[in-house]
Amino acid sequence: MARAATTSDAFNAIAEPQRREILVLLRGGERPVTELARDLGMTQPQASKHLRVLREVGLVRVRGAGRQRLYGLDARGLRPVHEWVGGFEGFWNESFDRLDAYVQELRRTRQEGPHDGDDR
């Protein structure tokens, strides 16, 4: 059985940690592959391979600048990831609400001072 493509969408593309690192570096602006490779401690062919995958799924764009090709982030490609993660917002809000209630209870307990458990 042929192996399924693993880089056909943004989810699969960013599953690779070094590709996420590339996206983080590109948040700061366009960069040539040589700089990306150097900063990531990889060879230029390795960096180019990751950039190709990121381009194919629309997360990175490239433009020529003289003799260089500059790669830049195209964050619009992250929209499906953002929308999917946003589906868990209710979970996080509920967790933060519980944490907030716990912290408020701790503050209230500290303001009241030590309690010996005997309310008579």
PDB file of N, CA and C in Angstrom:
ATOM      1  N   MET A   1       0.846  -1.180   0.000  1.00  0.00           N
ATOM      2  CA  MET A   1       0.000   0.000   0.000  1.00  0.00           C
ATOM      3  C   MET A   1       0.886   1.235   0.000  1.00  0.00           C
ATOM      4  N   ALA A   2       0.548   2.152  -0.861  1.00  0.00           N
ATOM      5  CA  ALA A   2       1.331   3.386  -0.950  1.00  0.00           C
ATOM      6  C   ALA A   2       1.114   4.225   0.301  1.00  0.00           C
ATOM      7  N   ARG A   3       2.155   4.873   0.697  1.00  0.00           N
ATOM      8  CA  ARG A   3       2.086   5.736   1.863  1.00  0.00           C
ATOM      9  C   ARG A   3       1.310   7.001   1.523  1.00  0.00           C
ATOM     10  N   ALA A   4       0.411   7.366   2.413  1.00  0.00           N
ATOM     11  CA  ALA A   4      -0.388   8.567   2.179  1.00  0.00           C
ATOM     12  C   ALA A   4       0.499   9.801   2.293  1.00  0.00           C
ATOM     13  N   ALA A   5       0.166  10.781   1.505  1.00  0.00           N
ATOM     14  CA  ALA A   5       0.895  12.046   1.588  1.00  0.00           C
ATOM     15  C   ALA A   5       0.707  12.625   2.984  1.00  0.00           C
ATOM     16  N   THR A   6       1.776  13.127   3.538  1.00  0.00           N
ATOM     17  CA  THR A   6       1.679  13.657   4.899  1.00  0.00           C
ATOM     18  C   THR A   6       1.796  15.178   4.939  1.00  0.00           C
ATOM     19  N   THR A   7       1.896  15.792   3.802  1.00  0.00           N
ATOM     20  CA  THR A   7       2.087  17.237   3.803  1.00  0.00           C
ATOM     21  C   THR A   7       1.068  17.933   2.911  1.00  0.00           C
ATOM     22  N   SER A   8      -0.106  17.342   2.781  1.00  0.00           N
ATOM     23  CA  SER A   8      -1.068  17.888   1.829  1.00  0.00           C
ATOM     24  C   SER A   8      -1.865  19.063   2.356  1.00  0.00           C
ATOM     25  N   ASP A   9      -1.789  19.334   3.647  1.00  0.00           N
ATOM     26  CA  ASP A   9      -2.503  20.491   4.173  1.00  0.00           C
ATOM     27  C   ASP A   9      -1.692  21.136   5.296  1.00  0.00           C
ATOM     28  N   ALA A  10      -2.177  22.257   5.776  1.00  0.00           N
ATOM     29  CA  ALA A  10      -1.436  23.005   6.796  1.00  0.00           C
ATOM     30  C   ALA A  10      -1.216  22.174   8.053  1.00  0.00           C
ATOM     31  N   PHE A  11      -2.206  21.387   8.450  1.00  0.00           N
ATOM     32  CA  PHE A  11      -2.064  20.569   9.656  1.00  0.00           C
ATOM     33  C   PHE A  11      -0.876  19.620   9.536  1.00  0.00           C
ATOM     34  N   ASN A  12      -0.815  18.920   8.432  1.00  0.00           N
ATOM     35  CA  ASN A  12       0.278  17.972   8.238  1.00  0.00           C
ATOM     36  C   ASN A  12       1.613  18.685   8.081  1.00  0.00           C
ATOM     37  N   ALA A  13       1.593  19.809   7.396  1.00  0.00           N
ATOM     38  CA  ALA A  13       2.847  20.536   7.175  1.00  0.00           C
ATOM     39  C   ALA A  13       3.444  21.024   8.487  1.00  0.00           C
ATOM     40  N   ILE A  14       2.608  21.533   9.381  1.00  0.00           N
ATOM     41  CA  ILE A  14       3.152  22.072  10.635  1.00  0.00           C
ATOM     42  C   ILE A  14       3.337  20.997  11.699  1.00  0.00           C
ATOM     43  N   ALA A  15       2.995  19.768  11.387  1.00  0.00           N
ATOM     44  CA  ALA A  15       3.261  18.677  12.325  1.00  0.00           C
ATOM     45  C   ALA A  15       4.770  18.458  12.482  1.00  0.00           C
ATOM     46  N   GLU A  16       5.535  18.851  11.505  1.00  0.00           N
ATOM     47  CA  GLU A  16       6.993  18.720  11.538  1.00  0.00           C
ATOM     48  C   GLU A  16       7.563  19.914  12.324  1.00  0.00           C
ATOM     49  N   PRO A  17       8.259  19.645  13.452  1.00  0.00           N
ATOM     50  CA  PRO A  17       8.749  20.744  14.299  1.00  0.00           C
ATOM     51  C   PRO A  17       9.641  21.759  13.590  1.00  0.00           C
ATOM     52  N   GLN A  18      10.495  21.316  12.684  1.00  0.00           N
ATOM     53  CA  GLN A  18      11.387  22.273  12.014  1.00  0.00           C
ATOM     54  C   GLN A  18      10.608  23.211  11.092  1.00  0.00           C
ATOM     55  N   ARG A  19       9.503  22.744  10.555  1.00  0.00           N
ATOM     56  CA  ARG A  19       8.676  23.644   9.734  1.00  0.00           C
ATOM     57  C   ARG A  19       8.020  24.698  10.605  1.00  0.00           C
ATOM     58  N   ARG A  20       7.623  24.306  11.799  1.00  0.00           N
ATOM     59  CA  ARG A  20       7.072  25.318  12.731  1.00  0.00           C
ATOM     60  C   ARG A  20       8.139  26.335  13.091  1.00  0.00           C
ATOM     61  N   GLU A  21       9.371  25.868  13.268  1.00  0.00           N
ATOM     62  CA  GLU A  21      10.465  26.803  13.577  1.00  0.00           C
ATOM     63  C   GLU A  21      10.682  27.773  12.414  1.00  0.00           C
ATOM     64  N   ILE A  22      10.581  27.285  11.206  1.00  0.00           N
ATOM     65  CA  ILE A  22      10.725  28.161  10.039  1.00  0.00           C
ATOM     66  C   ILE A  22       9.642  29.226  10.054  1.00  0.00           C
ATOM     67  N   LEU A  23       8.418  28.833  10.344  1.00  0.00           N
ATOM     68  CA  LEU A  23       7.323  29.808  10.382  1.00  0.00           C
ATOM     69  C   LEU A  23       7.571  30.860  11.460  1.00  0.00           C
ATOM     70  N   VAL A  24       8.094  30.422  12.595  1.00  0.00           N
ATOM     71  CA  VAL A  24       8.397  31.380  13.671  1.00  0.00           C
ATOM     72  C   VAL A  24       9.460  32.374  13.199  1.00  0.00           C
ATOM     73  N   LEU A  25      10.497  31.876  12.555  1.00  0.00           N
ATOM     74  CA  LEU A  25      11.545  32.772  12.053  1.00  0.00           C
ATOM     75  C   LEU A  25      10.995  33.743  11.011  1.00  0.00           C
ATOM     76  N   LEU A  26      10.078  33.282  10.198  1.00  0.00           N
ATOM     77  CA  LEU A  26       9.542  34.141   9.138  1.00  0.00           C
ATOM     78  C   LEU A  26       8.547  35.174   9.668  1.00  0.00           C
ATOM     79  N   ARG A  27       8.101  35.009  10.916  1.00  0.00           N
ATOM     80  CA  ARG A  27       7.241  36.049  11.497  1.00  0.00           C
ATOM     81  C   ARG A  27       7.970  37.382  11.556  1.00  0.00           C
ATOM     82  N   GLY A  28       9.288  37.323  11.656  1.00  0.00           N
ATOM     83  CA  GLY A  28      10.084  38.542  11.740  1.00  0.00           C
ATOM     84  C   GLY A  28      10.342  39.200  10.401  1.00  0.00           C
ATOM     85  N   GLY A  29       9.925  38.566   9.314  1.00  0.00           N
ATOM     86  CA  GLY A  29      10.120  39.155   7.991  1.00  0.00           C
ATOM     87  C   GLY A  29      10.747  38.161   7.030  1.00  0.00           C
ATOM     88  N   GLU A  30      10.847  38.584   5.804  1.00  0.00           N
ATOM     89  CA  GLU A  30      11.374  37.727   4.746  1.00  0.00           C
ATOM     90  C   GLU A  30      12.844  37.407   4.997  1.00  0.00           C
ATOM     91  N   ARG A  31      13.209  36.189   4.593  1.00  0.00           N
ATOM     92  CA  ARG A  31      14.596  35.760   4.754  1.00  0.00           C
ATOM     93  C   ARG A  31      14.975  34.809   3.630  1.00  0.00           C
ATOM     94  N   PRO A  32      16.251  34.831   3.225  1.00  0.00           N
ATOM     95  CA  PRO A  32      16.719  33.856   2.230  1.00  0.00           C
ATOM     96  C   PRO A  32      16.936  32.496   2.890  1.00  0.00           C
ATOM     97  N   VAL A  33      16.918  31.472   2.085  1.00  0.00           N
ATOM     98  CA  VAL A  33      17.056  30.113   2.602  1.00  0.00           C
ATOM     99  C   VAL A  33      18.373  29.921   3.334  1.00  0.00           C
ATOM    100  N   THR A  34      19.420  30.605   2.908  1.00  0.00           N
ATOM    101  CA  THR A  34      20.725  30.433   3.568  1.00  0.00           C
ATOM    102  C   THR A  34      20.659  30.879   5.028  1.00  0.00           C
ATOM    103  N   GLU A  35      19.982  31.973   5.300  1.00  0.00           N
ATOM    104  CA  GLU A  35      19.847  32.440   6.684  1.00  0.00           C
ATOM    105  C   GLU A  35      18.994  31.491   7.508  1.00  0.00           C
ATOM    106  N   LEU A  36      17.911  31.034   6.905  1.00  0.00           N
ATOM    107  CA  LEU A  36      17.045  30.097   7.629  1.00  0.00           C
ATOM    108  C   LEU A  36      17.808  28.824   7.980  1.00  0.00           C
ATOM    109  N   ALA A  37      18.537  28.297   7.006  1.00  0.00           N
ATOM    110  CA  ALA A  37      19.307  27.065   7.235  1.00  0.00           C
ATOM    111  C   ALA A  37      20.332  27.276   8.344  1.00  0.00           C
ATOM    112  N   ARG A  38      21.027  28.397   8.289  1.00  0.00           N
ATOM    113  CA  ARG A  38      22.040  28.687   9.314  1.00  0.00           C
ATOM    114  C   ARG A  38      21.402  28.774  10.700  1.00  0.00           C
ATOM    115  N   ASP A  39      20.312  29.528  10.809  1.00  0.00           N
ATOM    116  CA  ASP A  39      19.681  29.718  12.114  1.00  0.00           C
ATOM    117  C   ASP A  39      19.057  28.440  12.659  1.00  0.00           C
ATOM    118  N   LEU A  40      18.677  27.537  11.781  1.00  0.00           N
ATOM    119  CA  LEU A  40      18.071  26.287  12.220  1.00  0.00           C
ATOM    120  C   LEU A  40      19.090  25.161  12.352  1.00  0.00           C
ATOM    121  N   GLY A  41      20.336  25.427  11.965  1.00  0.00           N
ATOM    122  CA  GLY A  41      21.374  24.407  12.069  1.00  0.00           C
ATOM    123  C   GLY A  41      21.156  23.242  11.133  1.00  0.00           C
ATOM    124  N   MET A  42      20.671  23.544   9.949  1.00  0.00           N
ATOM    125  CA  MET A  42      20.448  22.481   8.963  1.00  0.00           C
ATOM    126  C   MET A  42      21.116  22.876   7.654  1.00  0.00           C
ATOM    127  N   THR A  43      21.198  21.927   6.760  1.00  0.00           N
ATOM    128  CA  THR A  43      21.785  22.224   5.453  1.00  0.00           C
ATOM    129  C   THR A  43      20.775  23.005   4.616  1.00  0.00           C
ATOM    130  N   GLN A  44      21.305  23.672   3.590  1.00  0.00           N
ATOM    131  CA  GLN A  44      20.414  24.428   2.714  1.00  0.00           C
ATOM    132  C   GLN A  44      19.414  23.511   2.000  1.00  0.00           C
ATOM    133  N   PRO A  45      19.841  22.328   1.507  1.00  0.00           N
ATOM    134  CA  PRO A  45      18.846  21.437   0.883  1.00  0.00           C
ATOM    135  C   PRO A  45      17.734  21.011   1.848  1.00  0.00           C
ATOM    136  N   GLN A  46      18.097  20.792   3.112  1.00  0.00           N
ATOM    137  CA  GLN A  46      17.060  20.435   4.093  1.00  0.00           C
ATOM    138  C   GLN A  46      16.080  21.594   4.281  1.00  0.00           C
ATOM    139  N   ALA A  47      16.610  22.783   4.413  1.00  0.00           N
ATOM    140  CA  ALA A  47      15.739  23.955   4.585  1.00  0.00           C
ATOM    141  C   ALA A  47      14.870  24.156   3.347  1.00  0.00           C
ATOM    142  N   SER A  48      15.462  23.975   2.177  1.00  0.00           N
ATOM    143  CA  SER A  48      14.700  24.143   0.931  1.00  0.00           C
ATOM    144  C   SER A  48      13.562  23.132   0.846  1.00  0.00           C
ATOM    145  N   LYS A  49      13.823  21.918   1.294  1.00  0.00           N
ATOM    146  CA  LYS A  49      12.787  20.884   1.270  1.00  0.00           C
ATOM    147  C   LYS A  49      11.610  21.293   2.165  1.00  0.00           C
ATOM    148  N   HIS A  50      11.909  21.782   3.344  1.00  0.00           N
ATOM    149  CA  HIS A  50      10.839  22.210   4.248  1.00  0.00           C
ATOM    150  C   HIS A  50      10.095  23.424   3.673  1.00  0.00           C
ATOM    151  N   LEU A  51      10.837  24.346   3.087  1.00  0.00           N
ATOM    152  CA  LEU A  51      10.199  25.530   2.483  1.00  0.00           C
ATOM    153  C   LEU A  51       9.284  25.135   1.323  1.00  0.00           C
ATOM    154  N   ARG A  52       9.700  24.137   0.559  1.00  0.00           N
ATOM    155  CA  ARG A  52       8.860  23.668  -0.550  1.00  0.00           C
ATOM    156  C   ARG A  52       7.523  23.154  -0.025  1.00  0.00           C
ATOM    157  N   VAL A  53       7.581  22.361   1.029  1.00  0.00           N
ATOM    158  CA  VAL A  53       6.346  21.834   1.621  1.00  0.00           C
ATOM    159  C   VAL A  53       5.468  22.976   2.116  1.00  0.00           C
ATOM    160  N   LEU A  54       6.080  23.921   2.806  1.00  0.00           N
ATOM    161  CA  LEU A  54       5.310  25.052   3.337  1.00  0.00           C
ATOM    162  C   LEU A  54       4.708  25.896   2.220  1.00  0.00           C
ATOM    163  N   ARG A  55       5.414  26.015   1.122  1.00  0.00           N
ATOM    164  CA  ARG A  55       4.875  26.752  -0.042  1.00  0.00           C
ATOM    165  C   ARG A  55       3.697  26.008  -0.651  1.00  0.00           C
ATOM    166  N   GLU A  56       3.818  24.705  -0.753  1.00  0.00           N
ATOM    167  CA  GLU A  56       2.761  23.902  -1.389  1.00  0.00           C
ATOM    168  C   GLU A  56       1.428  24.001  -0.652  1.00  0.00           C
ATOM    169  N   VAL A  57       1.485  24.215   0.650  1.00  0.00           N
ATOM    170  CA  VAL A  57       0.235  24.315   1.411  1.00  0.00           C
ATOM    171  C   VAL A  57      -0.152  25.762   1.685  1.00  0.00           C
ATOM    172  N   GLY A  58       0.598  26.700   1.111  1.00  0.00           N
ATOM    173  CA  GLY A  58       0.219  28.103   1.187  1.00  0.00           C
ATOM    174  C   GLY A  58       0.611  28.814   2.467  1.00  0.00           C
ATOM    175  N   LEU A  59       1.608  28.310   3.169  1.00  0.00           N
ATOM    176  CA  LEU A  59       2.049  28.968   4.400  1.00  0.00           C
ATOM    177  C   LEU A  59       3.238  29.889   4.183  1.00  0.00           C
ATOM    178  N   VAL A  60       3.899  29.728   3.054  1.00  0.00           N
ATOM    179  CA  VAL A  60       5.091  30.525   2.743  1.00  0.00           C
ATOM    180  C   VAL A  60       4.997  30.980   1.299  1.00  0.00           C
ATOM    181  N   ARG A  61       5.412  32.210   1.078  1.00  0.00           N
ATOM    182  CA  ARG A  61       5.494  32.737  -0.285  1.00  0.00           C
ATOM    183  C   ARG A  61       6.953  33.062  -0.557  1.00  0.00           C
ATOM    184  N   VAL A  62       7.283  33.161  -1.817  1.00  0.00           N
ATOM    185  CA  VAL A  62       8.661  33.456  -2.188  1.00  0.00           C
ATOM    186  C   VAL A  62       8.654  34.512  -3.288  1.00  0.00           C
ATOM    187  N   ARG A  63       9.681  35.351  -3.255  1.00  0.00           N
ATOM    188  CA  ARG A  63       9.830  36.344  -4.315  1.00  0.00           C
ATOM    189  C   ARG A  63      11.315  36.521  -4.586  1.00  0.00           C
ATOM    190  N   GLY A  64      11.602  36.898  -5.808  1.00  0.00           N
ATOM    191  CA  GLY A  64      12.983  37.138  -6.185  1.00  0.00           C
ATOM    192  C   GLY A  64      13.399  38.534  -5.772  1.00  0.00           C
ATOM    193  N   ALA A  65      14.635  38.654  -5.320  1.00  0.00           N
ATOM    194  CA  ALA A  65      15.216  39.955  -4.963  1.00  0.00           C
ATOM    195  C   ALA A  65      16.670  39.917  -5.410  1.00  0.00           C
ATOM    196  N   GLY A  66      16.899  40.354  -6.638  1.00  0.00           N
ATOM    197  CA  GLY A  66      18.253  40.253  -7.179  1.00  0.00           C
ATOM    198  C   GLY A  66      18.597  38.799  -7.406  1.00  0.00           C
ATOM    199  N   ARG A  67      19.672  38.362  -6.810  1.00  0.00           N
ATOM    200  CA  ARG A  67      20.102  36.971  -6.981  1.00  0.00           C
ATOM    201  C   ARG A  67      19.525  36.060  -5.912  1.00  0.00           C
ATOM    202  N   GLN A  68      18.808  36.637  -4.993  1.00  0.00           N
ATOM    203  CA  GLN A  68      18.250  35.839  -3.900  1.00  0.00           C
ATOM    204  C   GLN A  68      16.763  35.591  -4.088  1.00  0.00           C
ATOM    205  N   ARG A  69      16.323  34.559  -3.421  1.00  0.00           N
ATOM    206  CA  ARG A  69      14.884  34.297  -3.299  1.00  0.00           C
ATOM    207  C   ARG A  69      14.560  34.481  -1.826  1.00  0.00           C
ATOM    208  N   LEU A  70      13.642  35.389  -1.575  1.00  0.00           N
ATOM    209  CA  LEU A  70      13.267  35.673  -0.193  1.00  0.00           C
ATOM    210  C   LEU A  70      11.959  34.970   0.136  1.00  0.00           C
ATOM    211  N   TYR A  71      11.972  34.281   1.267  1.00  0.00           N
ATOM    212  CA  TYR A  71      10.792  33.553   1.730  1.00  0.00           C
ATOM    213  C   TYR A  71      10.109  34.367   2.815  1.00  0.00           C
ATOM    214  N   GLY A  72       8.800  34.396   2.735  1.00  0.00           N
ATOM    215  CA  GLY A  72       8.026  35.136   3.731  1.00  0.00           C
ATOM    216  C   GLY A  72       6.822  34.328   4.185  1.00  0.00           C
ATOM    217  N   LEU A  73       6.343  34.656   5.347  1.00  0.00           N
ATOM    218  CA  LEU A  73       5.192  33.979   5.931  1.00  0.00           C
ATOM    219  C   LEU A  73       3.912  34.432   5.231  1.00  0.00           C
ATOM    220  N   ASP A  74       3.040  33.491   4.944  1.00  0.00           N
ATOM    221  CA  ASP A  74       1.691  33.799   4.447  1.00  0.00           C
ATOM    222  C   ASP A  74       0.720  33.190   5.463  1.00  0.00           C
ATOM    223  N   ALA A  75       0.447  33.966   6.493  1.00  0.00           N
ATOM    224  CA  ALA A  75      -0.335  33.456   7.623  1.00  0.00           C
ATOM    225  C   ALA A  75      -1.770  33.111   7.246  1.00  0.00           C
ATOM    226  N   ARG A  76      -2.223  33.551   6.081  1.00  0.00           N
ATOM    227  CA  ARG A  76      -3.590  33.196   5.667  1.00  0.00           C
ATOM    228  C   ARG A  76      -3.753  31.682   5.577  1.00  0.00           C
ATOM    229  N   GLY A  77      -2.676  30.990   5.283  1.00  0.00           N
ATOM    230  CA  GLY A  77      -2.724  29.531   5.188  1.00  0.00           C
ATOM    231  C   GLY A  77      -2.973  28.854   6.520  1.00  0.00           C
ATOM    232  N   LEU A  78      -2.788  29.594   7.613  1.00  0.00           N
ATOM    233  CA  LEU A  78      -3.018  29.020   8.941  1.00  0.00           C
ATOM    234  C   LEU A  78      -4.474  29.117   9.374  1.00  0.00           C
ATOM    235  N   ARG A  79      -5.312  29.730   8.543  1.00  0.00           N
ATOM    236  CA  ARG A  79      -6.723  29.915   8.908  1.00  0.00           C
ATOM    237  C   ARG A  79      -7.411  28.606   9.299  1.00  0.00           C
ATOM    238  N   PRO A  80      -7.251  27.502   8.544  1.00  0.00           N
ATOM    239  CA  PRO A  80      -7.909  26.254   8.968  1.00  0.00           C
ATOM    240  C   PRO A  80      -7.438  25.781  10.338  1.00  0.00           C
ATOM    241  N   VAL A  81      -6.168  25.964  10.628  1.00  0.00           N
ATOM    242  CA  VAL A  81      -5.631  25.562  11.934  1.00  0.00           C
ATOM    243  C   VAL A  81      -6.230  26.447  13.021  1.00  0.00           C
ATOM    244  N   HIS A  82      -6.260  27.744  12.766  1.00  0.00           N
ATOM    245  CA  HIS A  82      -6.817  28.690  13.732  1.00  0.00           C
ATOM    246  C   HIS A  82      -8.292  28.376  14.016  1.00  0.00           C
ATOM    247  N   GLU A  83      -9.041  28.113  12.969  1.00  0.00           N
ATOM    248  CA  GLU A  83     -10.473  27.813  13.138  1.00  0.00           C
ATOM    249  C   GLU A  83     -10.674  26.521  13.911  1.00  0.00           C
ATOM    250  N   TRP A  84      -9.845  25.536  13.640  1.00  0.00           N
ATOM    251  CA  TRP A  84      -9.979  24.256  14.346  1.00  0.00           C
ATOM    252  C   TRP A  84      -9.649  24.434  15.827  1.00  0.00           C
ATOM    253  N   VAL A  85      -8.563  25.105  16.112  1.00  0.00           N
ATOM    254  CA  VAL A  85      -8.179  25.339  17.502  1.00  0.00           C
ATOM    255  C   VAL A  85      -9.243  26.168  18.212  1.00  0.00           C
ATOM    256  N   GLY A  86      -9.838  27.118  17.507  1.00  0.00           N
ATOM    257  CA  GLY A  86     -10.883  27.954  18.087  1.00  0.00           C
ATOM    258  C   GLY A  86     -12.074  27.140  18.567  1.00  0.00           C
ATOM    259  N   GLY A  87     -12.276  25.956  18.011  1.00  0.00           N
ATOM    260  CA  GLY A  87     -13.356  25.086  18.442  1.00  0.00           C
ATOM    261  C   GLY A  87     -13.186  24.595  19.872  1.00  0.00           C
ATOM    262  N   PHE A  88     -12.000  24.742  20.419  1.00  0.00           N
ATOM    263  CA  PHE A  88     -11.730  24.318  21.790  1.00  0.00           C
ATOM    264  C   PHE A  88     -11.762  25.483  22.770  1.00  0.00           C
ATOM    265  N   GLU A  89     -12.177  26.641  22.293  1.00  0.00           N
ATOM    266  CA  GLU A  89     -12.191  27.834  23.125  1.00  0.00           C
ATOM    267  C   GLU A  89     -13.062  27.636  24.364  1.00  0.00           C
ATOM    268  N   GLY A  90     -14.199  26.976  24.214  1.00  0.00           N
ATOM    269  CA  GLY A  90     -15.078  26.742  25.350  1.00  0.00           C
ATOM    270  C   GLY A  90     -14.391  25.947  26.436  1.00  0.00           C
ATOM    271  N   PHE A  91     -13.611  24.953  26.041  1.00  0.00           N
ATOM    272  CA  PHE A  91     -12.870  24.148  27.017  1.00  0.00           C
ATOM    273  C   PHE A  91     -11.929  25.023  27.824  1.00  0.00           C
ATOM    274  N   TRP A  92     -11.164  25.874  27.137  1.00  0.00           N
ATOM    275  CA  TRP A  92     -10.197  26.723  27.829  1.00  0.00           C
ATOM    276  C   TRP A  92     -10.888  27.765  28.686  1.00  0.00           C
ATOM    277  N   ASN A  93     -11.969  28.328  28.175  1.00  0.00           N
ATOM    278  CA  ASN A  93     -12.690  29.313  28.984  1.00  0.00           C
ATOM    279  C   ASN A  93     -13.205  28.685  30.274  1.00  0.00           C
ATOM    280  N   GLU A  94     -13.739  27.475  30.168  1.00  0.00           N
ATOM    281  CA  GLU A  94     -14.239  26.778  31.357  1.00  0.00           C
ATOM    282  C   GLU A  94     -13.096  26.488  32.325  1.00  0.00           C
ATOM    283  N   SER A  95     -11.952  26.078  31.793  1.00  0.00           N
ATOM    284  CA  SER A  95     -10.793  25.803  32.643  1.00  0.00           C
ATOM    285  C   SER A  95     -10.321  27.069  33.350  1.00  0.00           C
ATOM    286  N   PHE A  96     -10.274  28.168  32.628  1.00  0.00           N
ATOM    287  CA  PHE A  96      -9.848  29.429  33.238  1.00  0.00           C
ATOM    288  C   PHE A  96     -10.860  29.898  34.278  1.00  0.00           C
ATOM    289  N   ASP A  97     -12.136  29.679  34.019  1.00  0.00           N
ATOM    290  CA  ASP A  97     -13.157  30.058  34.994  1.00  0.00           C
ATOM    291  C   ASP A  97     -12.980  29.269  36.295  1.00  0.00           C
ATOM    292  N   ARG A  98     -12.714  27.963  36.164  1.00  0.00           N
ATOM    293  CA  ARG A  98     -12.484  27.136  37.362  1.00  0.00           C
ATOM    294  C   ARG A  98     -11.228  27.583  38.096  1.00  0.00           C
ATOM    295  N   LEU A  99     -10.181  27.897  37.343  1.00  0.00           N
ATOM    296  CA  LEU A  99      -8.940  28.369  37.963  1.00  0.00           C
ATOM    297  C   LEU A  99      -9.175  29.695  38.672  1.00  0.00           C
ATOM    298  N   ASP A 100      -9.916  30.589  38.042  1.00  0.00           N
ATOM    299  CA  ASP A 100     -10.217  31.884  38.650  1.00  0.00           C
ATOM    300  C   ASP A 100     -11.010  31.694  39.943  1.00  0.00           C
ATOM    301  N   ALA A 101     -11.979  30.797  39.939  1.00  0.00           N
ATOM    302  CA  ALA A 101     -12.774  30.534  41.143  1.00  0.00           C
ATOM    303  C   ALA A 101     -11.879  29.979  42.252  1.00  0.00           C
ATOM    304  N   TYR A 102     -10.937  29.112  41.903  1.00  0.00           N
ATOM    305  CA  TYR A 102     -10.018  28.545  42.882  1.00  0.00           C
ATOM    306  C   TYR A 102      -9.125  29.633  43.488  1.00  0.00           C
ATOM    307  N   VAL A 103      -8.598  30.513  42.646  1.00  0.00           N
ATOM    308  CA  VAL A 103      -7.741  31.599  43.136  1.00  0.00           C
ATOM    309  C   VAL A 103      -8.536  32.539  44.037  1.00  0.00           C
ATOM    310  N   GLN A 104      -9.758  32.847  43.659  1.00  0.00           N
ATOM    311  CA  GLN A 104     -10.595  33.718  44.492  1.00  0.00           C
ATOM    312  C   GLN A 104     -10.853  33.072  45.851  1.00  0.00           C
ATOM    313  N   GLU A 105     -11.078  31.759  45.855  1.00  0.00           N
ATOM    314  CA  GLU A 105     -11.298  31.049  47.115  1.00  0.00           C
ATOM    315  C   GLU A 105     -10.045  31.090  47.989  1.00  0.00           C
ATOM    316  N   LEU A 106      -8.867  30.922  47.389  1.00  0.00           N
ATOM    317  CA  LEU A 106      -7.610  31.014  48.134  1.00  0.00           C
ATOM    318  C   LEU A 106      -7.439  32.404  48.742  1.00  0.00           C
ATOM    319  N   ARG A 107      -7.725  33.434  47.975  1.00  0.00           N
ATOM    320  CA  ARG A 107      -7.599  34.809  48.474  1.00  0.00           C
ATOM    321  C   ARG A 107      -8.554  35.043  49.646  1.00  0.00           C
ATOM    322  N   ARG A 108      -9.770  34.580  49.476  1.00  0.00           N
ATOM    323  CA  ARG A 108     -10.762  34.765  50.535  1.00  0.00           C
ATOM    324  C   ARG A 108     -10.312  34.046  51.807  1.00  0.00           C
ATOM    325  N   THR A 109      -9.797  32.838  51.657  1.00  0.00           N
ATOM    326  CA  THR A 109      -9.330  32.057  52.800  1.00  0.00           C
ATOM    327  C   THR A 109      -8.160  32.751  53.494  1.00  0.00           C
ATOM    328  N   ARG A 110      -7.249  33.315  52.738  1.00  0.00           N
ATOM    329  CA  ARG A 110      -6.092  34.007  53.321  1.00  0.00           C
ATOM    330  C   ARG A 110      -6.520  35.283  54.044  1.00  0.00           C
ATOM    331  N   GLN A 111      -7.493  35.984  53.505  1.00  0.00           N
ATOM    332  CA  GLN A 111      -7.959  37.225  54.139  1.00  0.00           C
ATOM    333  C   GLN A 111      -8.656  36.930  55.463  1.00  0.00           C
ATOM    334  N   GLU A 112      -9.299  35.791  55.548  1.00  0.00           N
ATOM    335  CA  GLU A 112     -10.001  35.426  56.768  1.00  0.00           C
ATOM    336  C   GLU A 112      -9.046  34.909  57.836  1.00  0.00           C
ATOM    337  N   GLY A 113      -7.809  34.565  57.458  1.00  0.00           N
ATOM    338  CA  GLY A 113      -6.828  34.074  58.403  1.00  0.00           C
ATOM    339  C   GLY A 113      -6.973  32.591  58.646  1.00  0.00           C
ATOM    340  N   PRO A 114      -6.096  32.072  59.513  1.00  0.00           N
ATOM    341  CA  PRO A 114      -6.142  30.630  59.807  1.00  0.00           C
ATOM    342  C   PRO A 114      -7.485  30.241  60.398  1.00  0.00           C
ATOM    343  N   HIS A 115      -7.909  29.087  60.020  1.00  0.00           N
ATOM    344  CA  HIS A 115      -9.196  28.573  60.456  1.00  0.00           C
ATOM    345  C   HIS A 115      -8.953  27.274  61.193  1.00  0.00           C
ATOM    346  N   ASP A 116      -9.436  27.184  62.434  1.00  0.00           N
ATOM    347  CA  ASP A 116      -9.181  25.955  63.191  1.00  0.00           C
ATOM    348  C   ASP A 116     -10.226  24.883  62.949  1.00  0.00           C
ATOM    349  N   GLY A 117     -11.218  25.203  62.145  1.00  0.00           N
ATOM    350  CA  GLY A 117     -12.236  24.209  61.801  1.00  0.00           C
ATOM    351  C   GLY A 117     -13.357  24.137  62.815  1.00  0.00           C
ATOM    352  N   ASP A 118     -13.267  24.852  63.933  1.00  0.00           N
ATOM    353  CA  ASP A 118     -14.301  24.834  64.958  1.00  0.00           C
ATOM    354  C   ASP A 118     -15.041  26.166  64.926  1.00  0.00           C
ATOM    355  N   ASP A 119     -16.252  26.178  64.386  1.00  0.00           N
ATOM    356  CA  ASP A 119     -17.016  27.409  64.217  1.00  0.00           C
ATOM    357  C   ASP A 119     -17.931  27.716  65.393  1.00  0.00           C
ATOM    358  N   ARG A 120     -17.803  27.033  66.523  1.00  0.00           N
ATOM    359  CA  ARG A 120     -18.697  27.280  67.667  1.00  0.00           C
ATOM    360  C   ARG A 120     -18.366  28.542  68.390  1.00  0.00           C
TER     361      ARG A 120
END
